[in-house]
Amino acid sequence: MKKIFFSLVLFFTFSTLSFAQDQKSNDPKMAAKLELNELVKEIPLESNLENGMYSLLIYKHETLAKATSDKERNKVYETMKSKIEGSLSPAQLKKLKNNKKLYENLIK
């Protein structure tokens, strides 16, 4: 009886943890924070620019979640590309573009 009870508790614990992880990965704010952390590791940003990038990344994730067509997604990608290129200095942009994986992750 104890084994059955322990098995059920263990099952529900893993189910709950799994569900919690799924929720975090779909949360636009969490995804934006993770991307921003990656960016800040590569390129130090001033606090006001960091806040602006955070808002921009939240916008990206919320809009992509609602996008229903490739045309809408491509519009978001172009917006992200132009906003990032306009926000960073030429030296910061060059450093970002040298890290192709991070750059692609930020704009797409």
PDB file of N, CA and C in Angstrom:
ATOM      1  N   MET A   1       0.818  -1.185   0.000  1.00  0.00           N
ATOM      2  CA  MET A   1       0.000   0.000   0.000  1.00  0.00           C
ATOM      3  C   MET A   1       0.869   1.260   0.000  1.00  0.00           C
ATOM      4  N   LYS A   2       1.944   1.220   0.787  1.00  0.00           N
ATOM      5  CA  LYS A   2       2.840   2.363   0.850  1.00  0.00           C
ATOM      6  C   LYS A   2       3.493   2.614  -0.500  1.00  0.00           C
ATOM      7  N   LYS A   3       3.815   1.549  -1.209  1.00  0.00           N
ATOM      8  CA  LYS A   3       4.446   1.692  -2.512  1.00  0.00           C
ATOM      9  C   LYS A   3       3.500   2.345  -3.517  1.00  0.00           C
ATOM     10  N   ILE A   4       2.253   1.969  -3.471  1.00  0.00           N
ATOM     11  CA  ILE A   4       1.254   2.551  -4.378  1.00  0.00           C
ATOM     12  C   ILE A   4       1.076   4.035  -4.067  1.00  0.00           C
ATOM     13  N   PHE A   5       0.947   4.354  -2.802  1.00  0.00           N
ATOM     14  CA  PHE A   5       0.790   5.753  -2.390  1.00  0.00           C
ATOM     15  C   PHE A   5       2.013   6.571  -2.797  1.00  0.00           C
ATOM     16  N   PHE A   6       3.204   6.052  -2.525  1.00  0.00           N
ATOM     17  CA  PHE A   6       4.435   6.742  -2.892  1.00  0.00           C
ATOM     18  C   PHE A   6       4.524   6.930  -4.409  1.00  0.00           C
ATOM     19  N   SER A   7       4.132   5.926  -5.168  1.00  0.00           N
ATOM     20  CA  SER A   7       4.152   6.006  -6.628  1.00  0.00           C
ATOM     21  C   SER A   7       3.212   7.094  -7.134  1.00  0.00           C
ATOM     22  N   LEU A   8       2.029   7.198  -6.543  1.00  0.00           N
ATOM     23  CA  LEU A   8       1.074   8.226  -6.950  1.00  0.00           C
ATOM     24  C   LEU A   8       1.596   9.630  -6.624  1.00  0.00           C
ATOM     25  N   VAL A   9       2.158   9.783  -5.439  1.00  0.00           N
ATOM     26  CA  VAL A   9       2.713  11.083  -5.053  1.00  0.00           C
ATOM     27  C   VAL A   9       3.841  11.470  -5.992  1.00  0.00           C
ATOM     28  N   LEU A  10       4.694  10.542  -6.287  1.00  0.00           N
ATOM     29  CA  LEU A  10       5.810  10.789  -7.196  1.00  0.00           C
ATOM     30  C   LEU A  10       5.302  11.152  -8.595  1.00  0.00           C
ATOM     31  N   PHE A  11       4.305  10.446  -9.067  1.00  0.00           N
ATOM     32  CA  PHE A  11       3.717  10.724 -10.379  1.00  0.00           C
ATOM     33  C   PHE A  11       3.145  12.138 -10.438  1.00  0.00           C
ATOM     34  N   PHE A  12       2.373  12.528  -9.440  1.00  0.00           N
ATOM     35  CA  PHE A  12       1.775  13.853  -9.438  1.00  0.00           C
ATOM     36  C   PHE A  12       2.826  14.956  -9.283  1.00  0.00           C
ATOM     37  N   THR A  13       3.881  14.672  -8.558  1.00  0.00           N
ATOM     38  CA  THR A  13       4.959  15.649  -8.410  1.00  0.00           C
ATOM     39  C   THR A  13       5.633  15.913  -9.746  1.00  0.00           C
ATOM     40  N   PHE A  14       5.956  14.856 -10.465  1.00  0.00           N
ATOM     41  CA  PHE A  14       6.585  15.024 -11.763  1.00  0.00           C
ATOM     42  C   PHE A  14       5.639  15.672 -12.766  1.00  0.00           C
ATOM     43  N   SER A  15       4.379  15.339 -12.696  1.00  0.00           N
ATOM     44  CA  SER A  15       3.402  15.962 -13.592  1.00  0.00           C
ATOM     45  C   SER A  15       3.317  17.459 -13.346  1.00  0.00           C
ATOM     46  N   THR A  16       3.296  17.851 -12.093  1.00  0.00           N
ATOM     47  CA  THR A  16       3.219  19.261 -11.745  1.00  0.00           C
ATOM     48  C   THR A  16       4.473  20.008 -12.177  1.00  0.00           C
ATOM     49  N   LEU A  17       5.632  19.431 -11.949  1.00  0.00           N
ATOM     50  CA  LEU A  17       6.879  20.068 -12.354  1.00  0.00           C
ATOM     51  C   LEU A  17       6.965  20.203 -13.868  1.00  0.00           C
ATOM     52  N   SER A  18       6.527  19.200 -14.561  1.00  0.00           N
ATOM     53  CA  SER A  18       6.537  19.237 -16.018  1.00  0.00           C
ATOM     54  C   SER A  18       5.616  20.327 -16.527  1.00  0.00           C
ATOM     55  N   PHE A  19       4.439  20.447 -15.943  1.00  0.00           N
ATOM     56  CA  PHE A  19       3.485  21.472 -16.355  1.00  0.00           C
ATOM     57  C   PHE A  19       4.039  22.864 -16.072  1.00  0.00           C
ATOM     58  N   ALA A  20       4.691  23.049 -14.949  1.00  0.00           N
ATOM     59  CA  ALA A  20       5.264  24.348 -14.589  1.00  0.00           C
ATOM     60  C   ALA A  20       6.347  24.757 -15.585  1.00  0.00           C
ATOM     61  N   GLN A  21       7.159  23.815 -16.031  1.00  0.00           N
ATOM     62  CA  GLN A  21       8.195  24.140 -17.006  1.00  0.00           C
ATOM     63  C   GLN A  21       7.588  24.518 -18.343  1.00  0.00           C
ATOM     64  N   ASP A  22       6.503  23.861 -18.740  1.00  0.00           N
ATOM     65  CA  ASP A  22       5.827  24.206 -19.986  1.00  0.00           C
ATOM     66  C   ASP A  22       5.271  25.621 -19.911  1.00  0.00           C
ATOM     67  N   GLN A  23       4.731  26.010 -18.795  1.00  0.00           N
ATOM     68  CA  GLN A  23       4.181  27.343 -18.628  1.00  0.00           C
ATOM     69  C   GLN A  23       5.275  28.403 -18.771  1.00  0.00           C
ATOM     70  N   LYS A  24       6.433  28.170 -18.202  1.00  0.00           N
ATOM     71  CA  LYS A  24       7.513  29.147 -18.253  1.00  0.00           C
ATOM     72  C   LYS A  24       8.014  29.342 -19.672  1.00  0.00           C
ATOM     73  N   SER A  25       8.101  28.275 -20.442  1.00  0.00           N
ATOM     74  CA  SER A  25       8.635  28.400 -21.785  1.00  0.00           C
ATOM     75  C   SER A  25       7.675  29.129 -22.713  1.00  0.00           C
ATOM     76  N   ASN A  26       6.382  29.141 -22.388  1.00  0.00           N
ATOM     77  CA  ASN A  26       5.398  29.831 -23.216  1.00  0.00           C
ATOM     78  C   ASN A  26       5.140  31.255 -22.740  1.00  0.00           C
ATOM     79  N   ASP A  27       5.728  31.655 -21.644  1.00  0.00           N
ATOM     80  CA  ASP A  27       5.524  32.981 -21.094  1.00  0.00           C
ATOM     81  C   ASP A  27       6.401  33.985 -21.839  1.00  0.00           C
ATOM     82  N   PRO A  28       5.795  34.993 -22.485  1.00  0.00           N
ATOM     83  CA  PRO A  28       6.597  35.971 -23.235  1.00  0.00           C
ATOM     84  C   PRO A  28       7.607  36.721 -22.364  1.00  0.00           C
ATOM     85  N   LYS A  29       7.228  37.021 -21.131  1.00  0.00           N
ATOM     86  CA  LYS A  29       8.143  37.756 -20.253  1.00  0.00           C
ATOM     87  C   LYS A  29       9.356  36.909 -19.878  1.00  0.00           C
ATOM     88  N   MET A  30       9.133  35.630 -19.638  1.00  0.00           N
ATOM     89  CA  MET A  30      10.239  34.746 -19.296  1.00  0.00           C
ATOM     90  C   MET A  30      11.167  34.554 -20.495  1.00  0.00           C
ATOM     91  N   ALA A  31      10.590  34.351 -21.661  1.00  0.00           N
ATOM     92  CA  ALA A  31      11.400  34.178 -22.867  1.00  0.00           C
ATOM     93  C   ALA A  31      12.198  35.451 -23.167  1.00  0.00           C
ATOM     94  N   ALA A  32      11.556  36.605 -22.983  1.00  0.00           N
ATOM     95  CA  ALA A  32      12.241  37.880 -23.222  1.00  0.00           C
ATOM     96  C   ALA A  32      13.386  38.066 -22.233  1.00  0.00           C
ATOM     97  N   LYS A  33      13.159  37.709 -20.986  1.00  0.00           N
ATOM     98  CA  LYS A  33      14.202  37.855 -19.962  1.00  0.00           C
ATOM     99  C   LYS A  33      15.405  36.958 -20.284  1.00  0.00           C
ATOM    100  N   LEU A  34      15.135  35.739 -20.730  1.00  0.00           N
ATOM    101  CA  LEU A  34      16.230  34.829 -21.088  1.00  0.00           C
ATOM    102  C   LEU A  34      17.045  35.377 -22.262  1.00  0.00           C
ATOM    103  N   GLU A  35      16.347  35.900 -23.276  1.00  0.00           N
ATOM    104  CA  GLU A  35      17.053  36.464 -24.427  1.00  0.00           C
ATOM    105  C   GLU A  35      17.841  37.710 -24.028  1.00  0.00           C
ATOM    106  N   LEU A  36      17.250  38.532 -23.170  1.00  0.00           N
ATOM    107  CA  LEU A  36      17.943  39.729 -22.714  1.00  0.00           C
ATOM    108  C   LEU A  36      19.202  39.372 -21.921  1.00  0.00           C
ATOM    109  N   ASN A  37      19.115  38.345 -21.098  1.00  0.00           N
ATOM    110  CA  ASN A  37      20.291  37.899 -20.338  1.00  0.00           C
ATOM    111  C   ASN A  37      21.408  37.461 -21.278  1.00  0.00           C
ATOM    112  N   GLU A  38      21.056  36.757 -22.335  1.00  0.00           N
ATOM    113  CA  GLU A  38      22.058  36.339 -23.321  1.00  0.00           C
ATOM    114  C   GLU A  38      22.699  37.555 -23.987  1.00  0.00           C
ATOM    115  N   LEU A  39      21.869  38.544 -24.306  1.00  0.00           N
ATOM    116  CA  LEU A  39      22.374  39.751 -24.951  1.00  0.00           C
ATOM    117  C   LEU A  39      23.311  40.520 -24.020  1.00  0.00           C
ATOM    118  N   VAL A  40      22.916  40.662 -22.769  1.00  0.00           N
ATOM    119  CA  VAL A  40      23.720  41.415 -21.807  1.00  0.00           C
ATOM    120  C   VAL A  40      25.044  40.708 -21.506  1.00  0.00           C
ATOM    121  N   LYS A  41      25.061  39.384 -21.565  1.00  0.00           N
ATOM    122  CA  LYS A  41      26.317  38.661 -21.397  1.00  0.00           C
ATOM    123  C   LYS A  41      27.294  39.007 -22.516  1.00  0.00           C
ATOM    124  N   GLU A  42      26.764  39.178 -23.709  1.00  0.00           N
ATOM    125  CA  GLU A  42      27.602  39.471 -24.878  1.00  0.00           C
ATOM    126  C   GLU A  42      27.946  40.960 -24.969  1.00  0.00           C
ATOM    127  N   ILE A  43      26.933  41.811 -24.748  1.00  0.00           N
ATOM    128  CA  ILE A  43      27.108  43.251 -24.907  1.00  0.00           C
ATOM    129  C   ILE A  43      26.550  43.966 -23.674  1.00  0.00           C
ATOM    130  N   PRO A  44      27.372  44.630 -22.901  1.00  0.00           N
ATOM    131  CA  PRO A  44      26.853  45.398 -21.755  1.00  0.00           C
ATOM    132  C   PRO A  44      25.983  46.556 -22.254  1.00  0.00           C
ATOM    133  N   LEU A  45      24.826  46.734 -21.631  1.00  0.00           N
ATOM    134  CA  LEU A  45      23.897  47.788 -22.024  1.00  0.00           C
ATOM    135  C   LEU A  45      23.629  48.721 -20.855  1.00  0.00           C
ATOM    136  N   GLU A  46      23.321  49.972 -21.173  1.00  0.00           N
ATOM    137  CA  GLU A  46      22.876  50.909 -20.153  1.00  0.00           C
ATOM    138  C   GLU A  46      21.487  50.474 -19.680  1.00  0.00           C
ATOM    139  N   SER A  47      21.110  50.892 -18.492  1.00  0.00           N
ATOM    140  CA  SER A  47      19.851  50.416 -17.911  1.00  0.00           C
ATOM    141  C   SER A  47      18.636  50.830 -18.730  1.00  0.00           C
ATOM    142  N   ASN A  48      18.626  52.065 -19.272  1.00  0.00           N
ATOM    143  CA  ASN A  48      17.463  52.476 -20.060  1.00  0.00           C
ATOM    144  C   ASN A  48      17.372  51.701 -21.372  1.00  0.00           C
ATOM    145  N   LEU A  49      18.510  51.398 -21.983  1.00  0.00           N
ATOM    146  CA  LEU A  49      18.512  50.593 -23.202  1.00  0.00           C
ATOM    147  C   LEU A  49      18.124  49.156 -22.894  1.00  0.00           C
ATOM    148  N   GLU A  50      18.570  48.655 -21.757  1.00  0.00           N
ATOM    149  CA  GLU A  50      18.210  47.302 -21.342  1.00  0.00           C
ATOM    150  C   GLU A  50      16.698  47.187 -21.127  1.00  0.00           C
ATOM    151  N   ASN A  51      16.091  48.193 -20.501  1.00  0.00           N
ATOM    152  CA  ASN A  51      14.642  48.193 -20.294  1.00  0.00           C
ATOM    153  C   ASN A  51      13.891  48.263 -21.619  1.00  0.00           C
ATOM    154  N   GLY A  52      14.397  49.074 -22.539  1.00  0.00           N
ATOM    155  CA  GLY A  52      13.770  49.170 -23.857  1.00  0.00           C
ATOM    156  C   GLY A  52      13.862  47.862 -24.629  1.00  0.00           C
ATOM    157  N   MET A  53      15.010  47.207 -24.551  1.00  0.00           N
ATOM    158  CA  MET A  53      15.171  45.916 -25.238  1.00  0.00           C
ATOM    159  C   MET A  53      14.255  44.863 -24.633  1.00  0.00           C
ATOM    160  N   TYR A  54      14.101  44.912 -23.323  1.00  0.00           N
ATOM    161  CA  TYR A  54      13.208  43.967 -22.647  1.00  0.00           C
ATOM    162  C   TYR A  54      11.775  44.149 -23.147  1.00  0.00           C
ATOM    163  N   SER A  55      11.324  45.383 -23.234  1.00  0.00           N
ATOM    164  CA  SER A  55       9.977  45.657 -23.741  1.00  0.00           C
ATOM    165  C   SER A  55       9.832  45.205 -25.189  1.00  0.00           C
ATOM    166  N   LEU A  56      10.854  45.444 -25.973  1.00  0.00           N
ATOM    167  CA  LEU A  56      10.841  45.039 -27.374  1.00  0.00           C
ATOM    168  C   LEU A  56      10.772  43.522 -27.511  1.00  0.00           C
ATOM    169  N   LEU A  57      11.505  42.810 -26.693  1.00  0.00           N
ATOM    170  CA  LEU A  57      11.496  41.343 -26.750  1.00  0.00           C
ATOM    171  C   LEU A  57      10.159  40.774 -26.271  1.00  0.00           C
ATOM    172  N   ILE A  58       9.545  41.404 -25.289  1.00  0.00           N
ATOM    173  CA  ILE A  58       8.206  40.974 -24.865  1.00  0.00           C
ATOM    174  C   ILE A  58       7.226  41.164 -26.014  1.00  0.00           C
ATOM    175  N   TYR A  59       7.305  42.326 -26.664  1.00  0.00           N
ATOM    176  CA  TYR A  59       6.453  42.590 -27.824  1.00  0.00           C
ATOM    177  C   TYR A  59       6.632  41.509 -28.882  1.00  0.00           C
ATOM    178  N   LYS A  60       7.894  41.160 -29.147  1.00  0.00           N
ATOM    179  CA  LYS A  60       8.174  40.142 -30.162  1.00  0.00           C
ATOM    180  C   LYS A  60       7.496  38.821 -29.824  1.00  0.00           C
ATOM    181  N   HIS A  61       7.655  38.359 -28.597  1.00  0.00           N
ATOM    182  CA  HIS A  61       7.102  37.058 -28.226  1.00  0.00           C
ATOM    183  C   HIS A  61       5.577  37.068 -28.191  1.00  0.00           C
ATOM    184  N   GLU A  62       4.991  38.161 -27.717  1.00  0.00           N
ATOM    185  CA  GLU A  62       3.528  38.252 -27.694  1.00  0.00           C
ATOM    186  C   GLU A  62       2.960  38.291 -29.109  1.00  0.00           C
ATOM    187  N   THR A  63       3.608  39.053 -29.984  1.00  0.00           N
ATOM    188  CA  THR A  63       3.125  39.186 -31.352  1.00  0.00           C
ATOM    189  C   THR A  63       3.310  37.890 -32.132  1.00  0.00           C
ATOM    190  N   LEU A  64       4.448  37.233 -31.948  1.00  0.00           N
ATOM    191  CA  LEU A  64       4.667  35.964 -32.650  1.00  0.00           C
ATOM    192  C   LEU A  64       3.698  34.889 -32.166  1.00  0.00           C
ATOM    193  N   ALA A  65       3.316  34.940 -30.903  1.00  0.00           N
ATOM    194  CA  ALA A  65       2.354  33.963 -30.386  1.00  0.00           C
ATOM    195  C   ALA A  65       0.980  34.153 -31.028  1.00  0.00           C
ATOM    196  N   LYS A  66       0.648  35.380 -31.380  1.00  0.00           N
ATOM    197  CA  LYS A  66      -0.652  35.686 -31.982  1.00  0.00           C
ATOM    198  C   LYS A  66      -0.630  35.600 -33.503  1.00  0.00           C
ATOM    199  N   ALA A  67       0.563  35.612 -34.103  1.00  0.00           N
ATOM    200  CA  ALA A  67       0.684  35.633 -35.563  1.00  0.00           C
ATOM    201  C   ALA A  67       0.125  34.346 -36.163  1.00  0.00           C
ATOM    202  N   THR A  68      -0.644  34.520 -37.218  1.00  0.00           N
ATOM    203  CA  THR A  68      -1.278  33.368 -37.858  1.00  0.00           C
ATOM    204  C   THR A  68      -0.698  33.061 -39.238  1.00  0.00           C
ATOM    205  N   SER A  69       0.057  33.991 -39.792  1.00  0.00           N
ATOM    206  CA  SER A  69       0.595  33.752 -41.131  1.00  0.00           C
ATOM    207  C   SER A  69       2.085  34.076 -41.171  1.00  0.00           C
ATOM    208  N   ASP A  70       2.735  33.588 -42.215  1.00  0.00           N
ATOM    209  CA  ASP A  70       4.155  33.874 -42.401  1.00  0.00           C
ATOM    210  C   ASP A  70       4.385  35.359 -42.666  1.00  0.00           C
ATOM    211  N   LYS A  71       3.416  35.997 -43.303  1.00  0.00           N
ATOM    212  CA  LYS A  71       3.529  37.422 -43.594  1.00  0.00           C
ATOM    213  C   LYS A  71       3.606  38.227 -42.294  1.00  0.00           C
ATOM    214  N   GLU A  72       2.772  37.883 -41.329  1.00  0.00           N
ATOM    215  CA  GLU A  72       2.783  38.569 -40.033  1.00  0.00           C
ATOM    216  C   GLU A  72       4.098  38.315 -39.297  1.00  0.00           C
ATOM    217  N   ARG A  73       4.575  37.077 -39.329  1.00  0.00           N
ATOM    218  CA  ARG A  73       5.837  36.743 -38.676  1.00  0.00           C
ATOM    219  C   ARG A  73       7.003  37.501 -39.303  1.00  0.00           C
ATOM    220  N   ASN A  74       7.031  37.536 -40.634  1.00  0.00           N
ATOM    221  CA  ASN A  74       8.110  38.240 -41.325  1.00  0.00           C
ATOM    222  C   ASN A  74       8.102  39.731 -41.000  1.00  0.00           C
ATOM    223  N   LYS A  75       6.910  40.292 -40.821  1.00  0.00           N
ATOM    224  CA  LYS A  75       6.807  41.703 -40.445  1.00  0.00           C
ATOM    225  C   LYS A  75       7.413  41.925 -39.059  1.00  0.00           C
ATOM    226  N   VAL A  76       7.157  41.014 -38.140  1.00  0.00           N
ATOM    227  CA  VAL A  76       7.741  41.106 -36.795  1.00  0.00           C
ATOM    228  C   VAL A  76       9.256  40.976 -36.873  1.00  0.00           C
ATOM    229  N   TYR A  77       9.752  40.045 -37.686  1.00  0.00           N
ATOM    230  CA  TYR A  77      11.192  39.851 -37.830  1.00  0.00           C
ATOM    231  C   TYR A  77      11.862  41.126 -38.367  1.00  0.00           C
ATOM    232  N   GLU A  78      11.253  41.744 -39.364  1.00  0.00           N
ATOM    233  CA  GLU A  78      11.805  42.974 -39.931  1.00  0.00           C
ATOM    234  C   GLU A  78      11.779  44.109 -38.908  1.00  0.00           C
ATOM    235  N   THR A  79      10.693  44.182 -38.154  1.00  0.00           N
ATOM    236  CA  THR A  79      10.595  45.205 -37.102  1.00  0.00           C
ATOM    237  C   THR A  79      11.679  45.007 -36.068  1.00  0.00           C
ATOM    238  N   MET A  80      11.872  43.777 -35.629  1.00  0.00           N
ATOM    239  CA  MET A  80      12.899  43.484 -34.629  1.00  0.00           C
ATOM    240  C   MET A  80      14.283  43.853 -35.155  1.00  0.00           C
ATOM    241  N   LYS A  81      14.550  43.485 -36.387  1.00  0.00           N
ATOM    242  CA  LYS A  81      15.858  43.766 -36.984  1.00  0.00           C
ATOM    243  C   LYS A  81      16.115  45.266 -37.021  1.00  0.00           C
ATOM    244  N   SER A  82      15.137  46.039 -37.484  1.00  0.00           N
ATOM    245  CA  SER A  82      15.341  47.480 -37.588  1.00  0.00           C
ATOM    246  C   SER A  82      15.439  48.146 -36.212  1.00  0.00           C
ATOM    247  N   LYS A  83      14.642  47.701 -35.250  1.00  0.00           N
ATOM    248  CA  LYS A  83      14.686  48.294 -33.904  1.00  0.00           C
ATOM    249  C   LYS A  83      16.019  47.988 -33.206  1.00  0.00           C
ATOM    250  N   ILE A  84      16.489  46.761 -33.343  1.00  0.00           N
ATOM    251  CA  ILE A  84      17.761  46.399 -32.715  1.00  0.00           C
ATOM    252  C   ILE A  84      18.909  47.168 -33.363  1.00  0.00           C
ATOM    253  N   GLU A  85      18.904  47.227 -34.689  1.00  0.00           N
ATOM    254  CA  GLU A  85      19.973  47.943 -35.382  1.00  0.00           C
ATOM    255  C   GLU A  85      19.942  49.437 -35.071  1.00  0.00           C
ATOM    256  N   GLY A  86      18.751  49.984 -34.852  1.00  0.00           N
ATOM    257  CA  GLY A  86      18.638  51.395 -34.518  1.00  0.00           C
ATOM    258  C   GLY A  86      18.984  51.699 -33.078  1.00  0.00           C
ATOM    259  N   SER A  87      18.857  50.722 -32.204  1.00  0.00           N
ATOM    260  CA  SER A  87      19.091  50.945 -30.774  1.00  0.00           C
ATOM    261  C   SER A  87      20.546  50.817 -30.367  1.00  0.00           C
ATOM    262  N   LEU A  88      21.281  49.978 -31.047  1.00  0.00           N
ATOM    263  CA  LEU A  88      22.669  49.703 -30.655  1.00  0.00           C
ATOM    264  C   LEU A  88      23.639  50.595 -31.413  1.00  0.00           C
ATOM    265  N   SER A  89      24.747  50.871 -30.790  1.00  0.00           N
ATOM    266  CA  SER A  89      25.814  51.631 -31.460  1.00  0.00           C
ATOM    267  C   SER A  89      26.441  50.738 -32.536  1.00  0.00           C
ATOM    268  N   PRO A  90      27.146  51.343 -33.485  1.00  0.00           N
ATOM    269  CA  PRO A  90      27.791  50.518 -34.523  1.00  0.00           C
ATOM    270  C   PRO A  90      28.731  49.456 -33.963  1.00  0.00           C
ATOM    271  N   ALA A  91      29.455  49.792 -32.909  1.00  0.00           N
ATOM    272  CA  ALA A  91      30.382  48.814 -32.313  1.00  0.00           C
ATOM    273  C   ALA A  91      29.607  47.672 -31.653  1.00  0.00           C
ATOM    274  N   GLN A  92      28.526  48.011 -30.945  1.00  0.00           N
ATOM    275  CA  GLN A  92      27.712  46.979 -30.305  1.00  0.00           C
ATOM    276  C   GLN A  92      27.040  46.104 -31.353  1.00  0.00           C
ATOM    277  N   LEU A  93      26.557  46.726 -32.426  1.00  0.00           N
ATOM    278  CA  LEU A  93      25.893  45.971 -33.488  1.00  0.00           C
ATOM    279  C   LEU A  93      26.867  45.021 -34.172  1.00  0.00           C
ATOM    280  N   LYS A  94      28.090  45.479 -34.394  1.00  0.00           N
ATOM    281  CA  LYS A  94      29.096  44.615 -35.018  1.00  0.00           C
ATOM    282  C   LYS A  94      29.387  43.414 -34.126  1.00  0.00           C
ATOM    283  N   LYS A  95      29.509  43.657 -32.827  1.00  0.00           N
ATOM    284  CA  LYS A  95      29.781  42.577 -31.883  1.00  0.00           C
ATOM    285  C   LYS A  95      28.613  41.586 -31.850  1.00  0.00           C
ATOM    286  N   LEU A  96      27.388  42.117 -31.912  1.00  0.00           N
ATOM    287  CA  LEU A  96      26.206  41.254 -31.931  1.00  0.00           C
ATOM    288  C   LEU A  96      26.145  40.428 -33.202  1.00  0.00           C
ATOM    289  N   LYS A  97      26.400  41.047 -34.328  1.00  0.00           N
ATOM    290  CA  LYS A  97      26.333  40.318 -35.601  1.00  0.00           C
ATOM    291  C   LYS A  97      27.435  39.269 -35.711  1.00  0.00           C
ATOM    292  N   ASN A  98      28.536  39.452 -34.999  1.00  0.00           N
ATOM    293  CA  ASN A  98      29.586  38.434 -34.985  1.00  0.00           C
ATOM    294  C   ASN A  98      29.116  37.164 -34.277  1.00  0.00           C
ATOM    295  N   ASN A  99      28.183  37.316 -33.355  1.00  0.00           N
ATOM    296  CA  ASN A  99      27.573  36.167 -32.683  1.00  0.00           C
ATOM    297  C   ASN A  99      26.265  35.856 -33.415  1.00  0.00           C
ATOM    298  N   LYS A 100      26.376  35.140 -34.532  1.00  0.00           N
ATOM    299  CA  LYS A 100      25.231  34.899 -35.414  1.00  0.00           C
ATOM    300  C   LYS A 100      24.076  34.194 -34.710  1.00  0.00           C
ATOM    301  N   LYS A 101      24.380  33.254 -33.837  1.00  0.00           N
ATOM    302  CA  LYS A 101      23.329  32.513 -33.148  1.00  0.00           C
ATOM    303  C   LYS A 101      22.484  33.455 -32.285  1.00  0.00           C
ATOM    304  N   LEU A 102      23.141  34.310 -31.529  1.00  0.00           N
ATOM    305  CA  LEU A 102      22.424  35.254 -30.672  1.00  0.00           C
ATOM    306  C   LEU A 102      21.641  36.247 -31.520  1.00  0.00           C
ATOM    307  N   TYR A 103      22.242  36.759 -32.562  1.00  0.00           N
ATOM    308  CA  TYR A 103      21.580  37.739 -33.429  1.00  0.00           C
ATOM    309  C   TYR A 103      20.311  37.139 -34.049  1.00  0.00           C
ATOM    310  N   GLU A 104      20.427  35.951 -34.591  1.00  0.00           N
ATOM    311  CA  GLU A 104      19.256  35.286 -35.190  1.00  0.00           C
ATOM    312  C   GLU A 104      18.187  35.016 -34.145  1.00  0.00           C
ATOM    313  N   ASN A 105      18.606  34.633 -32.948  1.00  0.00           N
ATOM    314  CA  ASN A 105      17.652  34.353 -31.876  1.00  0.00           C
ATOM    315  C   ASN A 105      16.893  35.616 -31.466  1.00  0.00           C
ATOM    316  N   LEU A 106      17.570  36.762 -31.491  1.00  0.00           N
ATOM    317  CA  LEU A 106      16.925  38.011 -31.106  1.00  0.00           C
ATOM    318  C   LEU A 106      15.927  38.510 -32.152  1.00  0.00           C
ATOM    319  N   ILE A 107      16.255  38.352 -33.414  1.00  0.00           N
ATOM    320  CA  ILE A 107      15.352  38.879 -34.426  1.00  0.00           C
ATOM    321  C   ILE A 107      14.287  37.881 -34.850  1.00  0.00           C
ATOM    322  N   LYS A 108      14.446  36.617 -34.514  1.00  0.00           N
ATOM    323  CA  LYS A 108      13.441  35.624 -34.909  1.00  0.00           C
ATOM    324  C   LYS A 108      12.901  34.876 -33.734  1.00  0.00           C
TER     325      LYS A 108
END
